[in-house]
Amino acid sequence: MKRLLIWLLAGVMLGGLIHLVVILTLPGAATRDLWARLATVEAIEDFKVLDDIAPGAPNPLGLDPELVYGVCQLDLRDGPGVVNGALPLAFWSVAVFDRQGHVIYATTNRSGAGGAIDMGIFNPAQTRLLAEQRFEIADGLLLVEAPGNNVMVVLRLAPPHAAMRDRYAEALAGLECGTIR
């Protein structure tokens, strides 16, 4: 009986260990994560406007069909990233994601930015140089520190009327998104 209890306890512990290892390694092994799906948009250092979502159509990213979305991917190895330009005077929000899909920074126009966005994105080494004042930055620049070199910027605009969607999409496509070399 004692031997049976030892085997059962060992089995439960081994099962728990295997379960824990699988849960911790599975997200890193995923090939169809958000980053991979948005990589098909080919938005490297350029804002790409995502297609509108038709009512009843598949929506694998879970996007709000009332909003206009723009996506830009940056690789900070060559230099800090910059996102800037004029936006319509309606609600907009921006979020910066790391490679794992975690939001590392988010804000809206209601935080005081108004109708323009001017954001600098830095990796940890560039942030140290920024602290040592080796980079010149403009007043009002939103500073974002990314934990790594790969980031994705997602900007959402909320047009007040459906007739304004095209104009809002043009404003998104006209934003600057790139790295400073």
N, C-alpha and C. Protein backbone atom coordinates (compact mmCIF):
# COMPACT_ATOMS: atom_id res chain seq x y z
N MET A 1 0.82 -1.19 0.00
CA MET A 1 0.00 0.00 0.00
C MET A 1 0.87 1.26 0.00
N LYS A 2 1.92 1.22 0.82
CA LYS A 2 2.83 2.37 0.88
C LYS A 2 3.52 2.59 -0.46
N ARG A 3 3.88 1.48 -1.09
CA ARG A 3 4.55 1.57 -2.40
C ARG A 3 3.61 2.17 -3.45
N LEU A 4 2.34 1.81 -3.40
CA LEU A 4 1.35 2.34 -4.34
C LEU A 4 1.19 3.86 -4.15
N LEU A 5 1.15 4.33 -2.92
CA LEU A 5 1.03 5.76 -2.65
C LEU A 5 2.26 6.53 -3.16
N ILE A 6 3.43 5.94 -3.01
CA ILE A 6 4.65 6.59 -3.52
C ILE A 6 4.59 6.71 -5.03
N TRP A 7 4.16 5.63 -5.71
CA TRP A 7 4.04 5.67 -7.18
C TRP A 7 2.99 6.69 -7.62
N LEU A 8 1.89 6.76 -6.94
CA LEU A 8 0.84 7.74 -7.27
C LEU A 8 1.35 9.17 -7.07
N LEU A 9 2.02 9.40 -5.97
CA LEU A 9 2.56 10.73 -5.71
C LEU A 9 3.61 11.11 -6.76
N ALA A 10 4.46 10.16 -7.11
CA ALA A 10 5.48 10.42 -8.15
C ALA A 10 4.82 10.70 -9.50
N GLY A 11 3.75 9.96 -9.82
CA GLY A 11 3.03 10.18 -11.08
C GLY A 11 2.38 11.55 -11.14
N VAL A 12 1.76 11.95 -10.04
CA VAL A 12 1.12 13.27 -9.98
C VAL A 12 2.17 14.38 -10.11
N MET A 13 3.28 14.22 -9.42
CA MET A 13 4.34 15.24 -9.49
C MET A 13 4.94 15.31 -10.90
N LEU A 14 5.18 14.16 -11.54
CA LEU A 14 5.72 14.15 -12.90
C LEU A 14 4.71 14.76 -13.87
N GLY A 15 3.44 14.42 -13.71
CA GLY A 15 2.40 15.01 -14.56
C GLY A 15 2.32 16.51 -14.39
N GLY A 16 2.42 16.98 -13.16
CA GLY A 16 2.41 18.43 -12.89
C GLY A 16 3.61 19.12 -13.51
N LEU A 17 4.77 18.50 -13.42
CA LEU A 17 5.98 19.08 -14.00
C LEU A 17 5.87 19.17 -15.52
N ILE A 18 5.40 18.09 -16.15
CA ILE A 18 5.21 18.10 -17.61
C ILE A 18 4.20 19.16 -18.00
N HIS A 19 3.11 19.24 -17.27
CA HIS A 19 2.08 20.24 -17.54
C HIS A 19 2.66 21.66 -17.45
N LEU A 20 3.43 21.93 -16.43
CA LEU A 20 4.04 23.25 -16.25
C LEU A 20 5.00 23.58 -17.38
N VAL A 21 5.83 22.65 -17.78
CA VAL A 21 6.78 22.87 -18.87
C VAL A 21 6.05 23.16 -20.17
N VAL A 22 5.00 22.42 -20.46
CA VAL A 22 4.23 22.63 -21.69
C VAL A 22 3.58 24.01 -21.68
N ILE A 23 2.97 24.39 -20.58
CA ILE A 23 2.30 25.69 -20.50
C ILE A 23 3.30 26.84 -20.65
N LEU A 24 4.48 26.71 -20.11
CA LEU A 24 5.46 27.79 -20.20
C LEU A 24 6.15 27.87 -21.55
N THR A 25 6.27 26.76 -22.27
CA THR A 25 6.97 26.78 -23.55
C THR A 25 6.05 26.96 -24.75
N LEU A 26 4.78 26.66 -24.61
CA LEU A 26 3.86 26.71 -25.74
C LEU A 26 3.73 28.10 -26.37
N PRO A 27 3.57 29.19 -25.61
CA PRO A 27 3.46 30.50 -26.26
C PRO A 27 4.68 30.86 -27.12
N GLY A 28 5.86 30.48 -26.70
CA GLY A 28 7.06 30.78 -27.48
C GLY A 28 7.17 29.95 -28.74
N ALA A 29 6.50 28.82 -28.77
CA ALA A 29 6.56 27.94 -29.93
C ALA A 29 5.42 28.20 -30.91
N ALA A 30 4.49 29.06 -30.56
CA ALA A 30 3.33 29.32 -31.42
C ALA A 30 3.77 29.99 -32.72
N THR A 31 3.22 29.52 -33.82
CA THR A 31 3.57 30.09 -35.12
C THR A 31 2.45 30.96 -35.68
N ARG A 32 1.27 30.91 -35.11
CA ARG A 32 0.16 31.72 -35.62
C ARG A 32 -0.25 32.77 -34.59
N ASP A 33 0.73 33.42 -33.98
CA ASP A 33 0.44 34.46 -33.00
C ASP A 33 0.11 35.76 -33.73
N LEU A 34 -0.23 36.77 -32.97
CA LEU A 34 -0.61 38.06 -33.54
C LEU A 34 0.50 38.64 -34.40
N TRP A 35 1.74 38.53 -33.95
CA TRP A 35 2.87 39.08 -34.70
C TRP A 35 2.95 38.42 -36.08
N ALA A 36 2.83 37.11 -36.13
CA ALA A 36 2.92 36.38 -37.40
C ALA A 36 1.76 36.74 -38.32
N ARG A 37 0.56 36.89 -37.77
CA ARG A 37 -0.58 37.24 -38.60
C ARG A 37 -0.45 38.65 -39.17
N LEU A 38 0.05 39.59 -38.37
CA LEU A 38 0.20 40.96 -38.87
C LEU A 38 1.43 41.12 -39.75
N ALA A 39 2.37 40.19 -39.69
CA ALA A 39 3.54 40.26 -40.56
C ALA A 39 3.14 40.10 -42.03
N THR A 40 2.01 39.46 -42.28
CA THR A 40 1.55 39.30 -43.66
C THR A 40 1.10 40.62 -44.27
N VAL A 41 0.86 41.63 -43.42
CA VAL A 41 0.45 42.95 -43.91
C VAL A 41 1.62 43.67 -44.57
N GLU A 42 2.85 43.26 -44.25
CA GLU A 42 4.07 43.88 -44.77
C GLU A 42 4.11 45.38 -44.46
N ALA A 43 4.06 45.69 -43.19
CA ALA A 43 4.04 47.08 -42.72
C ALA A 43 5.37 47.44 -42.07
N ILE A 44 6.48 47.04 -42.67
CA ILE A 44 7.78 47.30 -42.07
C ILE A 44 8.18 48.75 -42.39
N GLU A 45 8.32 49.53 -41.34
CA GLU A 45 8.68 50.94 -41.41
C GLU A 45 7.77 51.73 -42.34
N ASP A 46 6.49 51.39 -42.34
CA ASP A 46 5.51 52.09 -43.14
C ASP A 46 4.13 51.77 -42.58
N PHE A 47 3.29 52.79 -42.42
CA PHE A 47 1.94 52.54 -41.93
C PHE A 47 1.11 51.94 -43.04
N LYS A 48 0.51 50.80 -42.75
CA LYS A 48 -0.42 50.15 -43.67
C LYS A 48 -1.79 50.18 -43.02
N VAL A 49 -2.76 50.58 -43.79
CA VAL A 49 -4.14 50.63 -43.30
C VAL A 49 -4.76 49.26 -43.54
N LEU A 50 -5.34 48.69 -42.49
CA LEU A 50 -5.99 47.39 -42.61
C LEU A 50 -7.32 47.54 -43.33
N ASP A 51 -7.67 46.51 -44.08
CA ASP A 51 -8.94 46.52 -44.81
C ASP A 51 -10.11 46.60 -43.84
N ASP A 52 -11.19 47.24 -44.31
CA ASP A 52 -12.41 47.32 -43.51
C ASP A 52 -12.97 45.92 -43.29
N ILE A 53 -13.64 45.74 -42.18
CA ILE A 53 -14.26 44.46 -41.86
C ILE A 53 -15.72 44.54 -42.27
N ALA A 54 -16.12 43.67 -43.18
CA ALA A 54 -17.50 43.65 -43.63
C ALA A 54 -18.37 42.99 -42.56
N PRO A 55 -19.58 43.49 -42.38
CA PRO A 55 -20.48 42.87 -41.39
C PRO A 55 -20.68 41.39 -41.70
N GLY A 56 -20.52 40.57 -40.68
CA GLY A 56 -20.71 39.12 -40.84
C GLY A 56 -19.51 38.38 -41.39
N ALA A 57 -18.49 39.11 -41.83
CA ALA A 57 -17.29 38.47 -42.38
C ALA A 57 -16.40 37.98 -41.24
N PRO A 58 -15.52 37.01 -41.52
CA PRO A 58 -14.59 36.55 -40.47
C PRO A 58 -13.73 37.72 -39.97
N ASN A 59 -13.49 37.72 -38.67
CA ASN A 59 -12.72 38.78 -38.05
C ASN A 59 -11.70 38.14 -37.11
N PRO A 60 -10.65 37.51 -37.67
CA PRO A 60 -9.73 36.73 -36.82
C PRO A 60 -8.95 37.58 -35.82
N LEU A 61 -8.77 38.87 -36.08
CA LEU A 61 -8.03 39.72 -35.14
C LEU A 61 -8.94 40.37 -34.10
N GLY A 62 -10.25 40.17 -34.23
CA GLY A 62 -11.19 40.73 -33.27
C GLY A 62 -11.25 42.25 -33.33
N LEU A 63 -11.15 42.83 -34.52
CA LEU A 63 -11.14 44.27 -34.68
C LEU A 63 -12.55 44.84 -34.63
N ASP A 64 -12.67 46.06 -34.16
CA ASP A 64 -13.94 46.77 -34.13
C ASP A 64 -14.21 47.29 -35.54
N PRO A 65 -15.31 46.89 -36.18
CA PRO A 65 -15.56 47.32 -37.56
C PRO A 65 -15.84 48.81 -37.71
N GLU A 66 -16.10 49.51 -36.62
CA GLU A 66 -16.35 50.95 -36.69
C GLU A 66 -15.07 51.77 -36.75
N LEU A 67 -13.94 51.17 -36.44
CA LEU A 67 -12.67 51.89 -36.39
C LEU A 67 -11.85 51.64 -37.65
N VAL A 68 -10.94 52.58 -37.93
CA VAL A 68 -9.97 52.43 -39.01
C VAL A 68 -8.63 52.14 -38.36
N TYR A 69 -7.95 51.08 -38.79
CA TYR A 69 -6.72 50.62 -38.15
C TYR A 69 -5.53 50.80 -39.08
N GLY A 70 -4.41 51.25 -38.50
CA GLY A 70 -3.14 51.31 -39.20
C GLY A 70 -2.09 50.58 -38.39
N VAL A 71 -1.19 49.86 -39.07
CA VAL A 71 -0.18 49.04 -38.41
C VAL A 71 1.18 49.36 -39.01
N CYS A 72 2.20 49.39 -38.14
CA CYS A 72 3.58 49.61 -38.58
C CYS A 72 4.50 48.76 -37.69
N GLN A 73 5.43 48.03 -38.31
CA GLN A 73 6.41 47.25 -37.57
C GLN A 73 7.76 47.95 -37.65
N LEU A 74 8.49 47.94 -36.54
CA LEU A 74 9.80 48.58 -36.48
C LEU A 74 10.83 47.62 -35.91
N ASP A 75 12.04 47.70 -36.46
CA ASP A 75 13.19 46.99 -35.92
C ASP A 75 14.15 48.06 -35.41
N LEU A 76 14.34 48.12 -34.10
CA LEU A 76 15.11 49.20 -33.47
C LEU A 76 16.61 48.94 -33.45
N ARG A 77 17.09 47.87 -34.08
CA ARG A 77 18.54 47.60 -34.07
C ARG A 77 19.33 48.69 -34.78
N ASP A 78 18.77 49.25 -35.84
CA ASP A 78 19.50 50.26 -36.62
C ASP A 78 19.35 51.67 -36.07
N GLY A 79 18.40 51.89 -35.19
CA GLY A 79 18.20 53.21 -34.62
C GLY A 79 16.84 53.33 -33.98
N PRO A 80 16.60 54.41 -33.26
CA PRO A 80 15.30 54.61 -32.61
C PRO A 80 14.18 54.72 -33.64
N GLY A 81 13.00 54.32 -33.22
CA GLY A 81 11.83 54.43 -34.09
C GLY A 81 11.13 55.75 -33.88
N VAL A 82 10.45 56.19 -34.91
CA VAL A 82 9.69 57.43 -34.82
C VAL A 82 8.34 57.22 -35.51
N VAL A 83 7.31 57.75 -34.88
CA VAL A 83 5.96 57.76 -35.45
C VAL A 83 5.46 59.18 -35.28
N ASN A 84 5.18 59.84 -36.40
CA ASN A 84 4.65 61.20 -36.28
C ASN A 84 3.82 61.58 -37.49
N GLY A 85 3.01 62.59 -37.28
CA GLY A 85 2.17 63.11 -38.33
C GLY A 85 0.89 63.71 -37.77
N ALA A 86 0.11 64.28 -38.67
CA ALA A 86 -1.16 64.90 -38.29
C ALA A 86 -2.28 63.88 -38.38
N LEU A 87 -3.19 63.98 -37.43
CA LEU A 87 -4.35 63.10 -37.39
C LEU A 87 -5.62 63.93 -37.33
N PRO A 88 -6.74 63.38 -37.78
CA PRO A 88 -8.01 64.11 -37.70
C PRO A 88 -8.35 64.45 -36.24
N LEU A 89 -9.15 65.46 -36.07
CA LEU A 89 -9.52 65.91 -34.73
C LEU A 89 -10.71 65.10 -34.19
N ALA A 90 -10.61 63.81 -34.28
CA ALA A 90 -11.59 62.90 -33.69
C ALA A 90 -10.82 61.96 -32.79
N PHE A 91 -11.52 61.05 -32.14
CA PHE A 91 -10.84 60.13 -31.24
C PHE A 91 -9.86 59.24 -31.99
N TRP A 92 -8.66 59.13 -31.45
CA TRP A 92 -7.69 58.15 -31.92
C TRP A 92 -6.95 57.57 -30.72
N SER A 93 -6.42 56.39 -30.91
CA SER A 93 -5.60 55.77 -29.87
C SER A 93 -4.44 55.06 -30.54
N VAL A 94 -3.33 54.97 -29.81
CA VAL A 94 -2.14 54.29 -30.32
C VAL A 94 -1.65 53.34 -29.24
N ALA A 95 -1.18 52.17 -29.69
CA ALA A 95 -0.60 51.19 -28.77
C ALA A 95 0.68 50.65 -29.41
N VAL A 96 1.69 50.44 -28.58
CA VAL A 96 2.96 49.86 -29.03
C VAL A 96 3.06 48.48 -28.38
N PHE A 97 3.27 47.46 -29.22
CA PHE A 97 3.34 46.08 -28.77
C PHE A 97 4.77 45.56 -28.93
N ASP A 98 5.20 44.70 -28.01
CA ASP A 98 6.49 44.03 -28.18
C ASP A 98 6.28 42.75 -28.98
N ARG A 99 7.34 42.02 -29.22
CA ARG A 99 7.29 40.81 -30.05
C ARG A 99 6.36 39.74 -29.48
N GLN A 100 6.20 39.72 -28.17
CA GLN A 100 5.33 38.73 -27.53
C GLN A 100 3.85 39.14 -27.54
N GLY A 101 3.56 40.32 -28.07
CA GLY A 101 2.18 40.79 -28.14
C GLY A 101 1.71 41.55 -26.91
N HIS A 102 2.63 41.91 -26.02
CA HIS A 102 2.27 42.69 -24.84
C HIS A 102 2.27 44.18 -25.17
N VAL A 103 1.29 44.88 -24.67
CA VAL A 103 1.25 46.34 -24.85
C VAL A 103 2.29 46.95 -23.92
N ILE A 104 3.24 47.69 -24.52
CA ILE A 104 4.27 48.34 -23.70
C ILE A 104 3.99 49.83 -23.54
N TYR A 105 3.10 50.37 -24.36
CA TYR A 105 2.73 51.78 -24.23
C TYR A 105 1.40 51.98 -24.96
N ALA A 106 0.55 52.80 -24.42
CA ALA A 106 -0.71 53.14 -25.08
C ALA A 106 -1.14 54.52 -24.62
N THR A 107 -1.75 55.26 -25.53
CA THR A 107 -2.29 56.57 -25.20
C THR A 107 -3.39 56.92 -26.20
N THR A 108 -4.09 58.00 -25.92
CA THR A 108 -5.13 58.49 -26.82
C THR A 108 -4.91 59.98 -27.05
N ASN A 109 -5.69 60.54 -27.96
CA ASN A 109 -5.60 61.98 -28.21
C ASN A 109 -6.11 62.77 -27.01
N ARG A 110 -6.83 62.14 -26.13
CA ARG A 110 -7.37 62.83 -24.95
C ARG A 110 -6.33 63.05 -23.88
N SER A 111 -5.12 62.54 -24.09
CA SER A 111 -4.05 62.75 -23.11
C SER A 111 -3.32 64.07 -23.36
N GLY A 112 -3.80 64.85 -24.31
CA GLY A 112 -3.22 66.16 -24.55
C GLY A 112 -2.49 66.28 -25.86
N ALA A 113 -2.42 65.19 -26.63
CA ALA A 113 -1.68 65.23 -27.90
C ALA A 113 -2.47 65.94 -28.98
N GLY A 114 -3.80 65.96 -28.88
CA GLY A 114 -4.62 66.66 -29.86
C GLY A 114 -4.64 65.99 -31.20
N GLY A 115 -4.40 66.79 -32.26
CA GLY A 115 -4.49 66.30 -33.63
C GLY A 115 -3.18 65.87 -34.23
N ALA A 116 -2.19 65.61 -33.43
CA ALA A 116 -0.90 65.17 -33.96
C ALA A 116 -0.31 64.11 -33.05
N ILE A 117 0.53 63.29 -33.64
CA ILE A 117 1.26 62.31 -32.85
C ILE A 117 2.74 62.48 -33.17
N ASP A 118 3.55 62.46 -32.12
CA ASP A 118 4.99 62.59 -32.26
C ASP A 118 5.61 61.70 -31.18
N MET A 119 6.02 60.49 -31.60
CA MET A 119 6.46 59.49 -30.65
C MET A 119 7.82 58.93 -31.07
N GLY A 120 8.71 58.78 -30.09
CA GLY A 120 10.00 58.13 -30.31
C GLY A 120 10.03 56.82 -29.53
N ILE A 121 10.49 55.75 -30.18
CA ILE A 121 10.52 54.43 -29.55
C ILE A 121 11.97 53.98 -29.49
N PHE A 122 12.43 53.63 -28.29
CA PHE A 122 13.84 53.33 -28.05
C PHE A 122 14.00 51.96 -27.42
N ASN A 123 15.06 51.23 -27.79
CA ASN A 123 15.38 49.99 -27.09
C ASN A 123 16.19 50.37 -25.84
N PRO A 124 16.51 49.43 -24.95
CA PRO A 124 17.21 49.80 -23.71
C PRO A 124 18.56 50.50 -23.93
N ALA A 125 19.35 50.07 -24.90
CA ALA A 125 20.64 50.72 -25.16
C ALA A 125 20.45 52.17 -25.63
N GLN A 126 19.45 52.39 -26.47
CA GLN A 126 19.18 53.74 -26.95
C GLN A 126 18.62 54.61 -25.84
N THR A 127 17.87 54.02 -24.93
CA THR A 127 17.36 54.78 -23.78
C THR A 127 18.50 55.25 -22.90
N ARG A 128 19.52 54.41 -22.73
CA ARG A 128 20.71 54.84 -21.95
C ARG A 128 21.38 56.02 -22.64
N LEU A 129 21.52 55.95 -23.96
CA LEU A 129 22.12 57.07 -24.70
C LEU A 129 21.26 58.33 -24.58
N LEU A 130 19.96 58.14 -24.57
CA LEU A 130 19.03 59.27 -24.40
C LEU A 130 19.22 59.89 -23.03
N ALA A 131 19.38 59.07 -22.00
CA ALA A 131 19.59 59.57 -20.65
C ALA A 131 20.92 60.32 -20.54
N GLU A 132 21.91 59.89 -21.32
CA GLU A 132 23.21 60.57 -21.33
C GLU A 132 23.21 61.78 -22.25
N GLN A 133 22.04 62.10 -22.81
CA GLN A 133 21.82 63.24 -23.70
C GLN A 133 22.67 63.17 -24.96
N ARG A 134 22.79 61.97 -25.53
CA ARG A 134 23.49 61.80 -26.79
C ARG A 134 22.55 61.88 -27.98
N PHE A 135 21.26 61.90 -27.71
CA PHE A 135 20.25 62.11 -28.74
C PHE A 135 19.60 63.46 -28.49
N GLU A 136 19.35 64.20 -29.54
CA GLU A 136 18.58 65.43 -29.40
C GLU A 136 17.13 65.09 -29.69
N ILE A 137 16.26 65.51 -28.79
CA ILE A 137 14.84 65.24 -28.99
C ILE A 137 14.06 66.54 -28.92
N ALA A 138 12.97 66.55 -29.66
CA ALA A 138 12.13 67.74 -29.70
C ALA A 138 11.22 67.78 -28.47
N ASP A 139 10.82 69.01 -28.10
CA ASP A 139 9.87 69.17 -27.00
C ASP A 139 8.56 68.50 -27.38
N GLY A 140 7.94 67.85 -26.44
CA GLY A 140 6.65 67.22 -26.67
C GLY A 140 6.72 65.82 -27.25
N LEU A 141 7.90 65.30 -27.48
CA LEU A 141 8.05 63.95 -28.03
C LEU A 141 7.65 62.93 -26.97
N LEU A 142 6.74 62.03 -27.33
CA LEU A 142 6.37 60.93 -26.44
C LEU A 142 7.49 59.91 -26.47
N LEU A 143 8.05 59.58 -25.33
CA LEU A 143 9.16 58.63 -25.26
C LEU A 143 8.64 57.27 -24.82
N VAL A 144 8.98 56.25 -25.60
CA VAL A 144 8.57 54.89 -25.31
C VAL A 144 9.82 54.02 -25.26
N GLU A 145 10.00 53.28 -24.16
CA GLU A 145 11.11 52.34 -24.09
C GLU A 145 10.59 50.93 -24.34
N ALA A 146 11.12 50.29 -25.37
CA ALA A 146 10.75 48.92 -25.70
C ALA A 146 11.75 47.96 -25.06
N PRO A 147 11.30 46.81 -24.58
CA PRO A 147 12.22 45.87 -23.95
C PRO A 147 13.15 45.18 -24.94
N GLY A 148 12.82 45.22 -26.21
CA GLY A 148 13.65 44.57 -27.23
C GLY A 148 13.71 45.41 -28.49
N ASN A 149 14.08 44.79 -29.59
CA ASN A 149 14.25 45.52 -30.84
C ASN A 149 13.04 45.50 -31.77
N ASN A 150 12.14 44.55 -31.59
CA ASN A 150 10.99 44.43 -32.49
C ASN A 150 9.74 44.95 -31.82
N VAL A 151 9.12 45.94 -32.45
CA VAL A 151 7.88 46.51 -31.94
C VAL A 151 6.88 46.67 -33.07
N MET A 152 5.62 46.73 -32.69
CA MET A 152 4.55 46.97 -33.64
C MET A 152 3.70 48.11 -33.09
N VAL A 153 3.40 49.08 -33.94
CA VAL A 153 2.58 50.22 -33.56
C VAL A 153 1.22 50.05 -34.23
N VAL A 154 0.17 50.11 -33.43
CA VAL A 154 -1.19 50.01 -33.95
C VAL A 154 -1.91 51.30 -33.59
N LEU A 155 -2.42 51.99 -34.61
CA LEU A 155 -3.13 53.25 -34.41
C LEU A 155 -4.57 53.05 -34.87
N ARG A 156 -5.51 53.48 -34.05
CA ARG A 156 -6.93 53.33 -34.34
C ARG A 156 -7.57 54.71 -34.42
N LEU A 157 -8.36 54.92 -35.45
CA LEU A 157 -9.11 56.16 -35.61
C LEU A 157 -10.60 55.84 -35.59
N ALA A 158 -11.37 56.74 -35.01
CA ALA A 158 -12.82 56.56 -34.94
C ALA A 158 -13.51 57.65 -35.74
N PRO A 159 -13.78 57.39 -37.02
CA PRO A 159 -14.48 58.41 -37.81
C PRO A 159 -15.90 58.59 -37.31
N PRO A 160 -16.35 59.84 -37.17
CA PRO A 160 -17.70 60.08 -36.65
C PRO A 160 -18.81 59.65 -37.62
N HIS A 161 -18.48 59.56 -38.92
CA HIS A 161 -19.46 59.15 -39.93
C HIS A 161 -18.79 58.20 -40.91
N ALA A 162 -19.55 57.27 -41.43
CA ALA A 162 -19.01 56.28 -42.38
C ALA A 162 -18.44 56.96 -43.63
N ALA A 163 -18.99 58.08 -44.02
CA ALA A 163 -18.53 58.78 -45.22
C ALA A 163 -17.10 59.32 -45.05
N MET A 164 -16.62 59.41 -43.82
CA MET A 164 -15.29 59.96 -43.57
C MET A 164 -14.20 58.88 -43.47
N ARG A 165 -14.56 57.62 -43.62
CA ARG A 165 -13.60 56.52 -43.46
C ARG A 165 -12.42 56.65 -44.42
N ASP A 166 -12.69 56.97 -45.67
CA ASP A 166 -11.60 57.07 -46.65
C ASP A 166 -10.61 58.17 -46.28
N ARG A 167 -11.13 59.31 -45.83
CA ARG A 167 -10.26 60.41 -45.44
C ARG A 167 -9.41 60.03 -44.22
N TYR A 168 -10.00 59.31 -43.29
CA TYR A 168 -9.26 58.86 -42.11
C TYR A 168 -8.20 57.83 -42.49
N ALA A 169 -8.54 56.95 -43.42
CA ALA A 169 -7.56 55.95 -43.89
C ALA A 169 -6.39 56.64 -44.57
N GLU A 170 -6.65 57.70 -45.34
CA GLU A 170 -5.57 58.46 -45.98
C GLU A 170 -4.67 59.13 -44.94
N ALA A 171 -5.26 59.64 -43.87
CA ALA A 171 -4.48 60.26 -42.81
C ALA A 171 -3.56 59.23 -42.14
N LEU A 172 -4.07 58.02 -41.92
CA LEU A 172 -3.24 56.96 -41.35
C LEU A 172 -2.11 56.58 -42.28
N ALA A 173 -2.42 56.43 -43.55
CA ALA A 173 -1.40 56.04 -44.53
C ALA A 173 -0.32 57.12 -44.67
N GLY A 174 -0.65 58.36 -44.35
CA GLY A 174 0.30 59.45 -44.49
C GLY A 174 1.21 59.64 -43.29
N LEU A 175 1.03 58.89 -42.23
CA LEU A 175 1.88 59.03 -41.06
C LEU A 175 3.29 58.52 -41.34
N GLU A 176 4.27 59.15 -40.71
CA GLU A 176 5.65 58.67 -40.81
C GLU A 176 5.87 57.60 -39.77
N CYS A 177 6.46 56.50 -40.19
CA CYS A 177 6.80 55.42 -39.26
C CYS A 177 8.09 54.81 -39.77
N GLY A 178 9.15 54.96 -39.01
CA GLY A 178 10.44 54.43 -39.45
C GLY A 178 11.47 54.54 -38.36
N THR A 179 12.70 54.23 -38.71
CA THR A 179 13.79 54.35 -37.76
C THR A 179 14.71 55.48 -38.18
N ILE A 180 15.34 56.08 -37.19
CA ILE A 180 16.33 57.14 -37.43
C ILE A 180 17.66 56.44 -37.52
N ARG A 181 18.32 56.54 -38.63
CA ARG A 181 19.61 55.87 -38.83
C ARG A 181 20.76 56.80 -38.62
